[in-house]
Amino acid sequence: MPEELYRKMKKRSDVKWSDVARRAILERLEALEGPVGYHATTEELREKIAKAGVKLEKIPIDEAVVHHRRMRELARKRISTIRAN
């Protein structure tokens, strides 16, 4: 780690740097591999949606966008509460 970065981090004792690093690592993994702990393919998701009787083409796009944003927010909260063992 560069010395200058280390000094800046030491000045901010109010920040839990291990939590910051953990969240950054999880976000990067999800960007590369998809949500951590979730491995369904698009086709598997389509099958689940069809079995549930949901007609995606009937959902207004603005409503879908609202739900998508809410799901992302909940996923971020879930990730941020994961504690390293």
C-alpha atoms as a PDB file:
ATOM      1  CA  MET A   1       0.000   0.000   0.000  1.00  0.00           C
ATOM      2  CA  PRO A   2       1.381   3.427  -0.871  1.00  0.00           C
ATOM      3  CA  GLU A   3       2.629   5.314   2.191  1.00  0.00           C
ATOM      4  CA  GLU A   4       0.553   8.426   1.401  1.00  0.00           C
ATOM      5  CA  LEU A   5      -2.641   6.383   1.205  1.00  0.00           C
ATOM      6  CA  TYR A   6      -1.799   4.630   4.472  1.00  0.00           C
ATOM      7  CA  ARG A   7      -1.266   7.993   6.224  1.00  0.00           C
ATOM      8  CA  LYS A   8      -4.613   9.318   4.974  1.00  0.00           C
ATOM      9  CA  MET A   9      -6.392   6.201   6.171  1.00  0.00           C
ATOM     10  CA  LYS A  10      -4.760   6.431   9.609  1.00  0.00           C
ATOM     11  CA  LYS A  11      -6.110   9.978  10.000  1.00  0.00           C
ATOM     12  CA  ARG A  12      -9.666   8.644   9.592  1.00  0.00           C
ATOM     13  CA  SER A  13      -9.968   6.366  12.601  1.00  0.00           C
ATOM     14  CA  ASP A  14     -13.759   6.785  12.430  1.00  0.00           C
ATOM     15  CA  VAL A  15     -13.838   4.605   9.288  1.00  0.00           C
ATOM     16  CA  LYS A  16     -13.749   0.824   9.504  1.00  0.00           C
ATOM     17  CA  TRP A  17     -11.453   0.246   6.548  1.00  0.00           C
ATOM     18  CA  SER A  18     -11.945  -3.519   6.608  1.00  0.00           C
ATOM     19  CA  ASP A  19     -15.680  -2.957   6.022  1.00  0.00           C
ATOM     20  CA  VAL A  20     -14.930  -0.575   3.161  1.00  0.00           C
ATOM     21  CA  ALA A  21     -12.604  -3.137   1.584  1.00  0.00           C
ATOM     22  CA  ARG A  22     -15.074  -6.003   2.079  1.00  0.00           C
ATOM     23  CA  ARG A  23     -17.895  -4.047   0.419  1.00  0.00           C
ATOM     24  CA  ALA A  24     -15.652  -3.026  -2.472  1.00  0.00           C
ATOM     25  CA  ILE A  25     -14.568  -6.626  -3.008  1.00  0.00           C
ATOM     26  CA  LEU A  26     -18.166  -7.892  -2.963  1.00  0.00           C
ATOM     27  CA  GLU A  27     -19.264  -5.188  -5.403  1.00  0.00           C
ATOM     28  CA  ARG A  28     -16.405  -6.038  -7.758  1.00  0.00           C
ATOM     29  CA  LEU A  29     -17.175  -9.765  -7.580  1.00  0.00           C
ATOM     30  CA  GLU A  30     -20.826  -9.089  -8.322  1.00  0.00           C
ATOM     31  CA  ALA A  31     -19.851  -6.910 -11.288  1.00  0.00           C
ATOM     32  CA  LEU A  32     -17.702  -9.764 -12.613  1.00  0.00           C
ATOM     33  CA  GLU A  33     -19.794 -12.794 -11.657  1.00  0.00           C
ATOM     34  CA  GLY A  34     -23.282 -11.584 -10.758  1.00  0.00           C
ATOM     35  CA  PRO A  35     -24.798 -11.398  -7.272  1.00  0.00           C
ATOM     36  CA  VAL A  36     -22.837 -13.340  -4.666  1.00  0.00           C
ATOM     37  CA  GLY A  37     -24.709 -16.508  -3.735  1.00  0.00           C
ATOM     38  CA  TYR A  38     -26.977 -16.335  -6.789  1.00  0.00           C
ATOM     39  CA  HIS A  39     -26.228 -18.353  -9.883  1.00  0.00           C
ATOM     40  CA  ALA A  40     -29.435 -18.651 -11.938  1.00  0.00           C
ATOM     41  CA  THR A  41     -29.203 -18.310 -15.696  1.00  0.00           C
ATOM     42  CA  THR A  42     -31.528 -16.066 -17.681  1.00  0.00           C
ATOM     43  CA  GLU A  43     -33.390 -19.134 -18.922  1.00  0.00           C
ATOM     44  CA  GLU A  44     -33.852 -20.415 -15.346  1.00  0.00           C
ATOM     45  CA  LEU A  45     -35.255 -17.028 -14.355  1.00  0.00           C
ATOM     46  CA  ARG A  46     -37.654 -17.066 -17.323  1.00  0.00           C
ATOM     47  CA  GLU A  47     -38.878 -20.508 -16.286  1.00  0.00           C
ATOM     48  CA  LYS A  48     -39.449 -19.384 -12.687  1.00  0.00           C
ATOM     49  CA  ILE A  49     -41.324 -16.300 -13.866  1.00  0.00           C
ATOM     50  CA  ALA A  50     -43.491 -18.387 -16.204  1.00  0.00           C
ATOM     51  CA  LYS A  51     -44.266 -20.893 -13.414  1.00  0.00           C
ATOM     52  CA  ALA A  52     -45.310 -17.998 -11.179  1.00  0.00           C
ATOM     53  CA  GLY A  53     -47.757 -16.906 -13.880  1.00  0.00           C
ATOM     54  CA  VAL A  54     -46.200 -13.458 -14.300  1.00  0.00           C
ATOM     55  CA  LYS A  55     -46.536 -11.893 -17.743  1.00  0.00           C
ATOM     56  CA  LEU A  56     -43.517  -9.605 -18.042  1.00  0.00           C
ATOM     57  CA  GLU A  57     -44.834  -7.939 -21.190  1.00  0.00           C
ATOM     58  CA  LYS A  58     -47.863  -6.716 -19.197  1.00  0.00           C
ATOM     59  CA  ILE A  59     -45.766  -4.829 -16.623  1.00  0.00           C
ATOM     60  CA  PRO A  60     -45.398  -1.115 -17.484  1.00  0.00           C
ATOM     61  CA  ILE A  61     -41.735  -0.193 -17.996  1.00  0.00           C
ATOM     62  CA  ASP A  62     -41.818   2.640 -15.432  1.00  0.00           C
ATOM     63  CA  GLU A  63     -43.128   0.221 -12.808  1.00  0.00           C
ATOM     64  CA  ALA A  64     -40.448  -2.323 -13.715  1.00  0.00           C
ATOM     65  CA  VAL A  65     -37.751   0.347 -13.343  1.00  0.00           C
ATOM     66  CA  VAL A  66     -39.036   1.285  -9.867  1.00  0.00           C
ATOM     67  CA  HIS A  67     -38.991  -2.362  -8.770  1.00  0.00           C
ATOM     68  CA  HIS A  68     -35.539  -2.925 -10.262  1.00  0.00           C
ATOM     69  CA  ARG A  69     -34.105   0.055  -8.365  1.00  0.00           C
ATOM     70  CA  ARG A  70     -35.707  -1.137  -5.138  1.00  0.00           C
ATOM     71  CA  MET A  71     -34.253  -4.637  -5.573  1.00  0.00           C
ATOM     72  CA  ARG A  72     -30.775  -3.190  -6.151  1.00  0.00           C
ATOM     73  CA  GLU A  73     -31.123  -1.048  -3.031  1.00  0.00           C
ATOM     74  CA  LEU A  74     -32.143  -4.064  -0.957  1.00  0.00           C
ATOM     75  CA  ALA A  75     -29.263  -6.109  -2.386  1.00  0.00           C
ATOM     76  CA  ARG A  76     -26.784  -3.371  -1.433  1.00  0.00           C
ATOM     77  CA  LYS A  77     -28.177  -3.290   2.095  1.00  0.00           C
ATOM     78  CA  ARG A  78     -27.900  -7.064   2.322  1.00  0.00           C
ATOM     79  CA  ILE A  79     -24.296  -6.994   1.151  1.00  0.00           C
ATOM     80  CA  SER A  80     -23.380  -4.181   3.509  1.00  0.00           C
ATOM     81  CA  THR A  81     -24.692  -6.159   6.484  1.00  0.00           C
ATOM     82  CA  ILE A  82     -22.710  -9.307   5.681  1.00  0.00           C
ATOM     83  CA  ARG A  83     -20.112  -9.735   8.378  1.00  0.00           C
ATOM     84  CA  ALA A  84     -16.793 -11.378   7.720  1.00  0.00           C
ATOM     85  CA  ASN A  85     -16.093 -14.342   9.972  1.00  0.00           C
END
